[in-house]
Structure formats: structure tokens, C-alpha cells
Amino acid sequence: PIFAPHDPIALNTREALQGPTGPHLFGTDEYGRDILSR
């Protein structure tokens, strides 16, 4: 909970399948969930 930058199960379909970006260092999955946090 301390290291993860985002909620690992929070959905945000508007940001689905993004590559590594500023808010999401490892990108996002098909539901917009942060890959690094997961």
C-alpha cells in the first residue's frame, strides 16, 4: 500500500492499454488499471 502509486483494482477505461507514461510508469491494462501497482 505504501509503494503502489495507484489502487490496483481501480477501473479507468479512458486510460486503457496505455504505454509507460508519467502517471503510469509501467502503463495500464485493458481496464485502465496501473500495471506497476498490480
Full PDB file with SEQRES, HELIX, SHEET, SSBOND, CRYST1, ORIGX, SCALE, CONECT and MASTER records, all heavy atoms in Angstrom:
SEQRES   1 A   38  PRO ILE PHE ALA PRO HIS ASP PRO ILE ALA LEU ASN THR          
SEQRES   2 A   38  ARG GLU ALA LEU GLN GLY PRO THR GLY PRO HIS LEU PHE          
SEQRES   3 A   38  GLY THR ASP GLU TYR GLY ARG ASP ILE LEU SER ARG              
HELIX    1 AA1 THR A   13  GLU A   15  5                                   3    
CRYST1    1.000    1.000    1.000  90.00  90.00  90.00 P 1           1          
ORIGX1      1.000000  0.000000  0.000000        0.00000                         
ORIGX2      0.000000  1.000000  0.000000        0.00000                         
ORIGX3      0.000000  0.000000  1.000000        0.00000                         
SCALE1      1.000000  0.000000  0.000000        0.00000                         
SCALE2      0.000000  1.000000  0.000000        0.00000                         
SCALE3      0.000000  0.000000  1.000000        0.00000                         
ATOM      1  N   PRO A   1       0.809  -1.230   0.000  1.00  0.00           N  
ATOM      2  CA  PRO A   1       0.000   0.000   0.000  1.00  0.00           C  
ATOM      3  C   PRO A   1       0.840   1.277   0.000  1.00  0.00           C  
ATOM      4  O   PRO A   1       0.369   2.326  -0.451  1.00  0.00           O  
ATOM      5  CB  PRO A   1      -0.819  -0.121   1.289  1.00  0.00           C  
ATOM      6  CG  PRO A   1      -0.875  -1.586   1.574  1.00  0.00           C  
ATOM      7  CD  PRO A   1       0.455  -2.113   1.125  1.00  0.00           C  
ATOM      8  N   ILE A   2       2.080   1.182   0.499  1.00  0.00           N  
ATOM      9  CA  ILE A   2       2.950   2.358   0.538  1.00  0.00           C  
ATOM     10  C   ILE A   2       3.652   2.557  -0.804  1.00  0.00           C  
ATOM     11  O   ILE A   2       3.739   3.676  -1.316  1.00  0.00           O  
ATOM     12  CB  ILE A   2       3.983   2.221   1.675  1.00  0.00           C  
ATOM     13  CG1 ILE A   2       3.257   2.157   3.029  1.00  0.00           C  
ATOM     14  CG2 ILE A   2       4.977   3.375   1.647  1.00  0.00           C  
ATOM     15  CD1 ILE A   2       4.187   1.924   4.196  1.00  0.00           C  
ATOM     16  N   PHE A   3       4.131   1.455  -1.396  1.00  0.00           N  
ATOM     17  CA  PHE A   3       4.901   1.555  -2.634  1.00  0.00           C  
ATOM     18  C   PHE A   3       4.012   1.742  -3.868  1.00  0.00           C  
ATOM     19  O   PHE A   3       4.424   2.374  -4.839  1.00  0.00           O  
ATOM     20  CB  PHE A   3       5.776   0.307  -2.824  1.00  0.00           C  
ATOM     21  CG  PHE A   3       6.965   0.260  -1.914  1.00  0.00           C  
ATOM     22  CD1 PHE A   3       7.041  -0.661  -0.886  1.00  0.00           C  
ATOM     23  CD2 PHE A   3       8.017   1.144  -2.083  1.00  0.00           C  
ATOM     24  CE1 PHE A   3       8.143  -0.710  -0.039  1.00  0.00           C  
ATOM     25  CE2 PHE A   3       9.127   1.110  -1.250  1.00  0.00           C  
ATOM     26  CZ  PHE A   3       9.183   0.180  -0.225  1.00  0.00           C  
ATOM     27  N   ALA A   4       2.834   1.177  -3.858  1.00  0.00           N  
ATOM     28  CA  ALA A   4       1.976   1.232  -5.047  1.00  0.00           C  
ATOM     29  C   ALA A   4       1.466   2.652  -5.265  1.00  0.00           C  
ATOM     30  O   ALA A   4       0.873   3.243  -4.359  1.00  0.00           O  
ATOM     31  CB  ALA A   4       0.809   0.275  -4.894  1.00  0.00           C  
ATOM     32  N   PRO A   5       1.653   3.216  -6.460  1.00  0.00           N  
ATOM     33  CA  PRO A   5       1.214   4.595  -6.710  1.00  0.00           C  
ATOM     34  C   PRO A   5      -0.284   4.720  -6.927  1.00  0.00           C  
ATOM     35  O   PRO A   5      -0.844   5.816  -6.810  1.00  0.00           O  
ATOM     36  CB  PRO A   5       1.983   4.986  -7.977  1.00  0.00           C  
ATOM     37  CG  PRO A   5       2.244   3.695  -8.671  1.00  0.00           C  
ATOM     38  CD  PRO A   5       2.422   2.666  -7.591  1.00  0.00           C  
ATOM     39  N   HIS A   6      -0.973   3.610  -7.257  1.00  0.00           N  
ATOM     40  CA  HIS A   6      -2.406   3.663  -7.544  1.00  0.00           C  
ATOM     41  C   HIS A   6      -3.102   2.460  -6.919  1.00  0.00           C  
ATOM     42  O   HIS A   6      -2.462   1.491  -6.499  1.00  0.00           O  
ATOM     43  CB  HIS A   6      -2.663   3.673  -9.063  1.00  0.00           C  
ATOM     44  CG  HIS A   6      -2.041   4.830  -9.785  1.00  0.00           C  
ATOM     45  ND1 HIS A   6      -2.615   6.080  -9.846  1.00  0.00           N  
ATOM     46  CD2 HIS A   6      -0.877   4.926 -10.484  1.00  0.00           C  
ATOM     47  CE1 HIS A   6      -1.852   6.895 -10.560  1.00  0.00           C  
ATOM     48  NE2 HIS A   6      -0.780   6.219 -10.946  1.00  0.00           N  
ATOM     49  N   ASP A   7      -4.427   2.532  -6.900  1.00  0.00           N  
ATOM     50  CA  ASP A   7      -5.238   1.399  -6.471  1.00  0.00           C  
ATOM     51  C   ASP A   7      -5.149   0.308  -7.535  1.00  0.00           C  
ATOM     52  O   ASP A   7      -5.460   0.554  -8.704  1.00  0.00           O  
ATOM     53  CB  ASP A   7      -6.688   1.850  -6.293  1.00  0.00           C  
ATOM     54  CG  ASP A   7      -7.565   0.749  -5.683  1.00  0.00           C  
ATOM     55  OD1 ASP A   7      -7.176  -0.425  -5.724  1.00  0.00           O  
ATOM     56  OD2 ASP A   7      -8.642   1.081  -5.162  1.00  0.00           O  
ATOM     57  N   PRO A   8      -4.735  -0.914  -7.182  1.00  0.00           N  
ATOM     58  CA  PRO A   8      -4.514  -1.945  -8.206  1.00  0.00           C  
ATOM     59  C   PRO A   8      -5.789  -2.463  -8.858  1.00  0.00           C  
ATOM     60  O   PRO A   8      -5.716  -3.118  -9.904  1.00  0.00           O  
ATOM     61  CB  PRO A   8      -3.798  -3.055  -7.433  1.00  0.00           C  
ATOM     62  CG  PRO A   8      -4.268  -2.882  -6.032  1.00  0.00           C  
ATOM     63  CD  PRO A   8      -4.412  -1.408  -5.831  1.00  0.00           C  
ATOM     64  N   ILE A   9      -6.949  -2.204  -8.268  1.00  0.00           N  
ATOM     65  CA  ILE A   9      -8.187  -2.720  -8.850  1.00  0.00           C  
ATOM     66  C   ILE A   9      -9.128  -1.597  -9.292  1.00  0.00           C  
ATOM     67  O   ILE A   9     -10.259  -1.864  -9.713  1.00  0.00           O  
ATOM     68  CB  ILE A   9      -8.920  -3.655  -7.865  1.00  0.00           C  
ATOM     69  CG1 ILE A   9      -9.289  -2.912  -6.580  1.00  0.00           C  
ATOM     70  CG2 ILE A   9      -8.063  -4.878  -7.559  1.00  0.00           C  
ATOM     71  CD1 ILE A   9     -10.113  -3.759  -5.623  1.00  0.00           C  
ATOM     72  N   ALA A  10      -8.663  -0.358  -9.215  1.00  0.00           N  
ATOM     73  CA  ALA A  10      -9.490   0.770  -9.638  1.00  0.00           C  
ATOM     74  C   ALA A  10      -9.578   0.815 -11.163  1.00  0.00           C  
ATOM     75  O   ALA A  10      -8.554   0.777 -11.853  1.00  0.00           O  
ATOM     76  CB  ALA A  10      -8.925   2.077  -9.100  1.00  0.00           C  
ATOM     77  N   LEU A  11     -10.792   0.887 -11.695  1.00  0.00           N  
ATOM     78  CA  LEU A  11     -11.015   0.889 -13.139  1.00  0.00           C  
ATOM     79  C   LEU A  11     -11.025   2.313 -13.681  1.00  0.00           C  
ATOM     80  O   LEU A  11     -11.552   3.226 -13.051  1.00  0.00           O  
ATOM     81  CB  LEU A  11     -12.338   0.200 -13.480  1.00  0.00           C  
ATOM     82  CG  LEU A  11     -12.522  -1.227 -12.941  1.00  0.00           C  
ATOM     83  CD1 LEU A  11     -13.877  -1.768 -13.381  1.00  0.00           C  
ATOM     84  CD2 LEU A  11     -11.411  -2.134 -13.424  1.00  0.00           C  
ATOM     85  N   ASN A  12     -10.435   2.475 -14.868  1.00  0.00           N  
ATOM     86  CA  ASN A  12     -10.439   3.759 -15.570  1.00  0.00           C  
ATOM     87  C   ASN A  12     -10.287   3.475 -17.058  1.00  0.00           C  
ATOM     88  O   ASN A  12      -9.198   3.546 -17.620  1.00  0.00           O  
ATOM     89  CB  ASN A  12      -9.314   4.672 -15.065  1.00  0.00           C  
ATOM     90  CG  ASN A  12      -9.385   6.062 -15.672  1.00  0.00           C  
ATOM     91  OD1 ASN A  12     -10.299   6.387 -16.441  1.00  0.00           O  
ATOM     92  ND2 ASN A  12      -8.417   6.898 -15.347  1.00  0.00           N  
ATOM     93  N   THR A  13     -11.387   3.105 -17.690  1.00  0.00           N  
ATOM     94  CA  THR A  13     -11.343   2.660 -19.087  1.00  0.00           C  
ATOM     95  C   THR A  13     -10.856   3.742 -20.043  1.00  0.00           C  
ATOM     96  O   THR A  13     -10.422   3.439 -21.154  1.00  0.00           O  
ATOM     97  CB  THR A  13     -12.732   2.188 -19.524  1.00  0.00           C  
ATOM     98  OG1 THR A  13     -13.699   3.231 -19.270  1.00  0.00           O  
ATOM     99  CG2 THR A  13     -13.147   0.942 -18.738  1.00  0.00           C  
ATOM    100  N   ARG A  14     -10.907   5.001 -19.638  1.00  0.00           N  
ATOM    101  CA  ARG A  14     -10.419   6.058 -20.515  1.00  0.00           C  
ATOM    102  C   ARG A  14      -8.905   5.997 -20.696  1.00  0.00           C  
ATOM    103  O   ARG A  14      -8.367   6.556 -21.654  1.00  0.00           O  
ATOM    104  CB  ARG A  14     -10.820   7.429 -19.954  1.00  0.00           C  
ATOM    105  CG  ARG A  14     -12.319   7.711 -19.981  1.00  0.00           C  
ATOM    106  CD  ARG A  14     -12.637   9.034 -19.338  1.00  0.00           C  
ATOM    107  NE  ARG A  14     -12.234   9.051 -17.935  1.00  0.00           N  
ATOM    108  CZ  ARG A  14     -12.356  10.104 -17.120  1.00  0.00           C  
ATOM    109  NH1 ARG A  14     -12.860  11.246 -17.600  1.00  0.00           N  
ATOM    110  NH2 ARG A  14     -11.990  10.026 -15.867  1.00  0.00           N  
ATOM    111  N   GLU A  15      -8.202   5.349 -19.791  1.00  0.00           N  
ATOM    112  CA  GLU A  15      -6.743   5.225 -19.882  1.00  0.00           C  
ATOM    113  C   GLU A  15      -6.315   3.790 -20.185  1.00  0.00           C  
ATOM    114  O   GLU A  15      -5.194   3.389 -19.883  1.00  0.00           O  
ATOM    115  CB  GLU A  15      -6.098   5.697 -18.585  1.00  0.00           C  
ATOM    116  CG  GLU A  15      -6.373   7.160 -18.250  1.00  0.00           C  
ATOM    117  CD  GLU A  15      -5.683   7.598 -16.973  1.00  0.00           C  
ATOM    118  OE1 GLU A  15      -5.143   6.709 -16.261  1.00  0.00           O  
ATOM    119  OE2 GLU A  15      -5.682   8.804 -16.681  1.00  0.00           O  
ATOM    120  N   ALA A  16      -7.190   3.014 -20.797  1.00  0.00           N  
ATOM    121  CA  ALA A  16      -6.908   1.598 -21.042  1.00  0.00           C  
ATOM    122  C   ALA A  16      -5.763   1.409 -22.030  1.00  0.00           C  
ATOM    123  O   ALA A  16      -5.640   2.144 -23.019  1.00  0.00           O  
ATOM    124  CB  ALA A  16      -8.161   0.903 -21.552  1.00  0.00           C  
ATOM    125  N   LEU A  17      -4.909   0.415 -21.738  1.00  0.00           N  
ATOM    126  CA  LEU A  17      -3.827  -0.033 -22.625  1.00  0.00           C  
ATOM    127  C   LEU A  17      -2.889   1.088 -23.035  1.00  0.00           C  
ATOM    128  O   LEU A  17      -2.447   1.173 -24.179  1.00  0.00           O  
ATOM    129  CB  LEU A  17      -4.421  -0.706 -23.875  1.00  0.00           C  
ATOM    130  CG  LEU A  17      -5.224  -1.990 -23.604  1.00  0.00           C  
ATOM    131  CD1 LEU A  17      -5.869  -2.490 -24.883  1.00  0.00           C  
ATOM    132  CD2 LEU A  17      -4.328  -3.066 -22.996  1.00  0.00           C  
ATOM    133  N   GLN A  18      -2.564   1.941 -22.094  1.00  0.00           N  
ATOM    134  CA  GLN A  18      -1.561   2.979 -22.341  1.00  0.00           C  
ATOM    135  C   GLN A  18      -0.165   2.419 -22.097  1.00  0.00           C  
ATOM    136  O   GLN A  18       0.032   1.551 -21.251  1.00  0.00           O  
ATOM    137  CB  GLN A  18      -1.796   4.183 -21.432  1.00  0.00           C  
ATOM    138  CG  GLN A  18      -3.010   5.022 -21.782  1.00  0.00           C  
ATOM    139  CD  GLN A  18      -3.088   6.277 -20.940  1.00  0.00           C  
ATOM    140  OE1 GLN A  18      -2.275   6.494 -20.039  1.00  0.00           O  
ATOM    141  NE2 GLN A  18      -4.067   7.133 -21.239  1.00  0.00           N  
ATOM    142  N   GLY A  19       0.795   2.915 -22.832  1.00  0.00           N  
ATOM    143  CA  GLY A  19       2.181   2.567 -22.599  1.00  0.00           C  
ATOM    144  C   GLY A  19       2.725   3.313 -21.384  1.00  0.00           C  
ATOM    145  O   GLY A  19       1.999   4.066 -20.724  1.00  0.00           O  
ATOM    146  N   PRO A  20       4.001   3.110 -21.072  1.00  0.00           N  
ATOM    147  CA  PRO A  20       4.598   3.826 -19.935  1.00  0.00           C  
ATOM    148  C   PRO A  20       4.486   5.330 -20.104  1.00  0.00           C  
ATOM    149  O   PRO A  20       4.920   5.898 -21.108  1.00  0.00           O  
ATOM    150  CB  PRO A  20       6.061   3.370 -19.972  1.00  0.00           C  
ATOM    151  CG  PRO A  20       6.026   2.054 -20.666  1.00  0.00           C  
ATOM    152  CD  PRO A  20       4.942   2.157 -21.692  1.00  0.00           C  
ATOM    153  N   THR A  21       3.869   5.969 -19.124  1.00  0.00           N  
ATOM    154  CA  THR A  21       3.710   7.419 -19.119  1.00  0.00           C  
ATOM    155  C   THR A  21       4.054   7.953 -17.745  1.00  0.00           C  
ATOM    156  O   THR A  21       4.376   7.188 -16.834  1.00  0.00           O  
ATOM    157  CB  THR A  21       2.267   7.815 -19.492  1.00  0.00           C  
ATOM    158  OG1 THR A  21       1.362   7.247 -18.533  1.00  0.00           O  
ATOM    159  CG2 THR A  21       1.904   7.318 -20.892  1.00  0.00           C  
ATOM    160  N   GLY A  22       3.933   9.268 -17.572  1.00  0.00           N  
ATOM    161  CA  GLY A  22       4.233   9.893 -16.286  1.00  0.00           C  
ATOM    162  C   GLY A  22       3.399   9.345 -15.146  1.00  0.00           C  
ATOM    163  O   GLY A  22       3.935   8.849 -14.141  1.00  0.00           O  
ATOM    164  N   PRO A  23       2.049   9.378 -15.263  1.00  0.00           N  
ATOM    165  CA  PRO A  23       1.227   8.858 -14.163  1.00  0.00           C  
ATOM    166  C   PRO A  23       1.317   7.347 -14.001  1.00  0.00           C  
ATOM    167  O   PRO A  23       1.080   6.821 -12.915  1.00  0.00           O  
ATOM    168  CB  PRO A  23      -0.187   9.286 -14.555  1.00  0.00           C  
ATOM    169  CG  PRO A  23      -0.021  10.343 -15.593  1.00  0.00           C  
ATOM    170  CD  PRO A  23       1.253  10.034 -16.295  1.00  0.00           C  
ATOM    171  N   HIS A  24       1.621   6.645 -15.089  1.00  0.00           N  
ATOM    172  CA  HIS A  24       1.668   5.184 -15.054  1.00  0.00           C  
ATOM    173  C   HIS A  24       3.013   4.737 -15.638  1.00  0.00           C  
ATOM    174  O   HIS A  24       3.164   4.578 -16.848  1.00  0.00           O  
ATOM    175  CB  HIS A  24       0.512   4.587 -15.854  1.00  0.00           C  
ATOM    176  CG  HIS A  24      -0.843   5.065 -15.421  1.00  0.00           C  
ATOM    177  ND1 HIS A  24      -1.460   4.612 -14.274  1.00  0.00           N  
ATOM    178  CD2 HIS A  24      -1.687   5.981 -15.980  1.00  0.00           C  
ATOM    179  CE1 HIS A  24      -2.640   5.210 -14.153  1.00  0.00           C  
ATOM    180  NE2 HIS A  24      -2.796   6.036 -15.172  1.00  0.00           N  
ATOM    181  N   LEU A  25       3.975   4.504 -14.766  1.00  0.00           N  
ATOM    182  CA  LEU A  25       5.336   4.214 -15.207  1.00  0.00           C  
ATOM    183  C   LEU A  25       5.432   2.920 -16.014  1.00  0.00           C  
ATOM    184  O   LEU A  25       6.290   2.797 -16.892  1.00  0.00           O  
ATOM    185  CB  LEU A  25       6.267   4.140 -13.994  1.00  0.00           C  
ATOM    186  CG  LEU A  25       6.452   5.429 -13.202  1.00  0.00           C  
ATOM    187  CD1 LEU A  25       7.372   5.194 -12.009  1.00  0.00           C  
ATOM    188  CD2 LEU A  25       7.000   6.527 -14.090  1.00  0.00           C  
ATOM    189  N   PHE A  26       4.586   1.952 -15.728  1.00  0.00           N  
ATOM    190  CA  PHE A  26       4.594   0.685 -16.452  1.00  0.00           C  
ATOM    191  C   PHE A  26       3.422   0.578 -17.421  1.00  0.00           C  
ATOM    192  O   PHE A  26       3.243  -0.467 -18.041  1.00  0.00           O  
ATOM    193  CB  PHE A  26       4.567  -0.500 -15.484  1.00  0.00           C  
ATOM    194  CG  PHE A  26       5.890  -0.768 -14.821  1.00  0.00           C  
ATOM    195  CD1 PHE A  26       6.957   0.118 -14.932  1.00  0.00           C  
ATOM    196  CD2 PHE A  26       6.083  -1.913 -14.073  1.00  0.00           C  
ATOM    197  CE1 PHE A  26       8.175  -0.124 -14.316  1.00  0.00           C  
ATOM    198  CE2 PHE A  26       7.294  -2.183 -13.449  1.00  0.00           C  
ATOM    199  CZ  PHE A  26       8.338  -1.274 -13.577  1.00  0.00           C  
ATOM    200  N   GLY A  27       2.609   1.611 -17.549  1.00  0.00           N  
ATOM    201  CA  GLY A  27       1.449   1.565 -18.420  1.00  0.00           C  
ATOM    202  C   GLY A  27       0.211   1.083 -17.698  1.00  0.00           C  
ATOM    203  O   GLY A  27       0.187   0.939 -16.470  1.00  0.00           O  
ATOM    204  N   THR A  28      -0.844   0.792 -18.477  1.00  0.00           N  
ATOM    205  CA  THR A  28      -2.124   0.347 -17.918  1.00  0.00           C  
ATOM    206  C   THR A  28      -2.604  -0.892 -18.661  1.00  0.00           C  
ATOM    207  O   THR A  28      -2.164  -1.190 -19.769  1.00  0.00           O  
ATOM    208  CB  THR A  28      -3.187   1.454 -18.030  1.00  0.00           C  
ATOM    209  OG1 THR A  28      -3.365   1.803 -19.409  1.00  0.00           O  
ATOM    210  CG2 THR A  28      -2.768   2.691 -17.256  1.00  0.00           C  
ATOM    211  N   ASP A  29      -3.542  -1.610 -18.044  1.00  0.00           N  
ATOM    212  CA  ASP A  29      -4.100  -2.808 -18.673  1.00  0.00           C  
ATOM    213  C   ASP A  29      -5.382  -2.470 -19.421  1.00  0.00           C  
ATOM    214  O   ASP A  29      -5.696  -1.293 -19.643  1.00  0.00           O  
ATOM    215  CB  ASP A  29      -4.325  -3.900 -17.628  1.00  0.00           C  
ATOM    216  CG  ASP A  29      -5.358  -3.503 -16.572  1.00  0.00           C  
ATOM    217  OD1 ASP A  29      -6.008  -2.444 -16.721  1.00  0.00           O  
ATOM    218  OD2 ASP A  29      -5.520  -4.262 -15.601  1.00  0.00           O  
ATOM    219  N   GLU A  30      -6.140  -3.489 -19.809  1.00  0.00           N  
ATOM    220  CA  GLU A  30      -7.325  -3.268 -20.634  1.00  0.00           C  
ATOM    221  C   GLU A  30      -8.438  -2.546 -19.891  1.00  0.00           C  
ATOM    222  O   GLU A  30      -9.384  -2.048 -20.512  1.00  0.00           O  
ATOM    223  CB  GLU A  30      -7.850  -4.603 -21.182  1.00  0.00           C  
ATOM    224  CG  GLU A  30      -8.495  -5.518 -20.162  1.00  0.00           C  
ATOM    225  CD  GLU A  30      -7.495  -6.437 -19.478  1.00  0.00           C  
ATOM    226  OE1 GLU A  30      -6.320  -6.033 -19.348  1.00  0.00           O  
ATOM    227  OE2 GLU A  30      -7.882  -7.546 -19.059  1.00  0.00           O  
ATOM    228  N   TYR A  31      -8.359  -2.493 -18.557  1.00  0.00           N  
ATOM    229  CA  TYR A  31      -9.360  -1.772 -17.767  1.00  0.00           C  
ATOM    230  C   TYR A  31      -8.829  -0.445 -17.232  1.00  0.00           C  
ATOM    231  O   TYR A  31      -9.488   0.196 -16.410  1.00  0.00           O  
ATOM    232  CB  TYR A  31      -9.827  -2.638 -16.591  1.00  0.00           C  
ATOM    233  CG  TYR A  31     -10.485  -3.923 -17.021  1.00  0.00           C  
ATOM    234  CD1 TYR A  31      -9.845  -5.145 -16.836  1.00  0.00           C  
ATOM    235  CD2 TYR A  31     -11.745  -3.913 -17.618  1.00  0.00           C  
ATOM    236  CE1 TYR A  31     -10.442  -6.331 -17.235  1.00  0.00           C  
ATOM    237  CE2 TYR A  31     -12.350  -5.094 -18.017  1.00  0.00           C  
ATOM    238  CZ  TYR A  31     -11.694  -6.303 -17.825  1.00  0.00           C  
ATOM    239  OH  TYR A  31     -12.295  -7.471 -18.220  1.00  0.00           O  
ATOM    240  N   GLY A  32      -7.655  -0.051 -17.673  1.00  0.00           N  
ATOM    241  CA  GLY A  32      -7.076   1.202 -17.215  1.00  0.00           C  
ATOM    242  C   GLY A  32      -6.419   1.114 -15.856  1.00  0.00           C  
ATOM    243  O   GLY A  32      -6.071   2.136 -15.263  1.00  0.00           O  
ATOM    244  N   ARG A  33      -6.214  -0.098 -15.348  1.00  0.00           N  
ATOM    245  CA  ARG A  33      -5.571  -0.262 -14.040  1.00  0.00           C  
ATOM    246  C   ARG A  33      -4.058  -0.146 -14.185  1.00  0.00           C  
ATOM    247  O   ARG A  33      -3.485  -0.591 -15.187  1.00  0.00           O  
ATOM    248  CB  ARG A  33      -5.941  -1.618 -13.439  1.00  0.00           C  
ATOM    249  CG  ARG A  33      -7.424  -1.781 -13.168  1.00  0.00           C  
ATOM    250  CD  ARG A  33      -7.789  -3.168 -12.719  1.00  0.00           C  
ATOM    251  NE  ARG A  33      -7.518  -4.178 -13.747  1.00  0.00           N  
ATOM    252  CZ  ARG A  33      -7.985  -5.428 -13.704  1.00  0.00           C  
ATOM    253  NH1 ARG A  33      -8.731  -5.816 -12.676  1.00  0.00           N  
ATOM    254  NH2 ARG A  33      -7.691  -6.283 -14.665  1.00  0.00           N  
ATOM    255  N   ASP A  34      -3.436   0.450 -13.192  1.00  0.00           N  
ATOM    256  CA  ASP A  34      -1.995   0.698 -13.235  1.00  0.00           C  
ATOM    257  C   ASP A  34      -1.234  -0.613 -13.115  1.00  0.00           C  
ATOM    258  O   ASP A  34      -1.392  -1.360 -12.133  1.00  0.00           O  
ATOM    259  CB  ASP A  34      -1.608   1.645 -12.093  1.00  0.00           C  
ATOM    260  CG  ASP A  34      -0.141   2.010 -12.120  1.00  0.00           C  
ATOM    261  OD1 ASP A  34       0.283   2.674 -13.077  1.00  0.00           O  
ATOM    262  OD2 ASP A  34       0.580   1.612 -11.189  1.00  0.00           O  
ATOM    263  N   ILE A  35      -0.375  -0.921 -14.095  1.00  0.00           N  
ATOM    264  CA  ILE A  35       0.352  -2.182 -14.131  1.00  0.00           C  
ATOM    265  C   ILE A  35       1.382  -2.258 -13.003  1.00  0.00           C  
ATOM    266  O   ILE A  35       1.559  -3.308 -12.371  1.00  0.00           O  
ATOM    267  CB  ILE A  35       1.023  -2.374 -15.500  1.00  0.00           C  
ATOM    268  CG1 ILE A  35      -0.049  -2.564 -16.580  1.00  0.00           C  
ATOM    269  CG2 ILE A  35       1.974  -3.577 -15.486  1.00  0.00           C  
ATOM    270  CD1 ILE A  35       0.509  -2.698 -17.980  1.00  0.00           C  
ATOM    271  N   LEU A  36       2.072  -1.165 -12.731  1.00  0.00           N  
ATOM    272  CA  LEU A  36       3.067  -1.170 -11.653  1.00  0.00           C  
ATOM    273  C   LEU A  36       2.413  -1.501 -10.316  1.00  0.00           C  
ATOM    274  O   LEU A  36       2.942  -2.312  -9.541  1.00  0.00           O  
ATOM    275  CB  LEU A  36       3.770   0.186 -11.590  1.00  0.00           C  
ATOM    276  CG  LEU A  36       4.749   0.377 -10.425  1.00  0.00           C  
ATOM    277  CD1 LEU A  36       5.849  -0.679 -10.463  1.00  0.00           C  
ATOM    278  CD2 LEU A  36       5.352   1.781 -10.460  1.00  0.00           C  
ATOM    279  N   SER A  37       1.279  -0.897 -10.036  1.00  0.00           N  
ATOM    280  CA  SER A  37       0.586  -1.171  -8.776  1.00  0.00           C  
ATOM    281  C   SER A  37       0.136  -2.624  -8.705  1.00  0.00           C  
ATOM    282  O   SER A  37       0.219  -3.262  -7.643  1.00  0.00           O  
ATOM    283  CB  SER A  37      -0.621  -0.239  -8.625  1.00  0.00           C  
ATOM    284  OG  SER A  37      -0.220   1.109  -8.620  1.00  0.00           O  
ATOM    285  N   ARG A  38      -0.322  -3.164  -9.812  1.00  0.00           N  
ATOM    286  CA  ARG A  38      -0.768  -4.552  -9.818  1.00  0.00           C  
ATOM    287  C   ARG A  38       0.411  -5.517  -9.664  1.00  0.00           C  
ATOM    288  O   ARG A  38       0.285  -6.575  -9.055  1.00  0.00           O  
ATOM    289  CB  ARG A  38      -1.555  -4.847 -11.095  1.00  0.00           C  
ATOM    290  CG  ARG A  38      -2.903  -4.148 -11.136  1.00  0.00           C  
ATOM    291  CD  ARG A  38      -3.710  -4.495 -12.368  1.00  0.00           C  
ATOM    292  NE  ARG A  38      -4.052  -5.911 -12.442  1.00  0.00           N  
ATOM    293  CZ  ARG A  38      -5.020  -6.489 -11.745  1.00  0.00           C  
ATOM    294  NH1 ARG A  38      -5.746  -5.770 -10.884  1.00  0.00           N  
ATOM    295  NH2 ARG A  38      -5.281  -7.777 -11.886  1.00  0.00           N  
TER     296      ARG A  38                                                      
MASTER        0    0    0    1    0    0    0    6  295    1    0    3          
END                                                                             
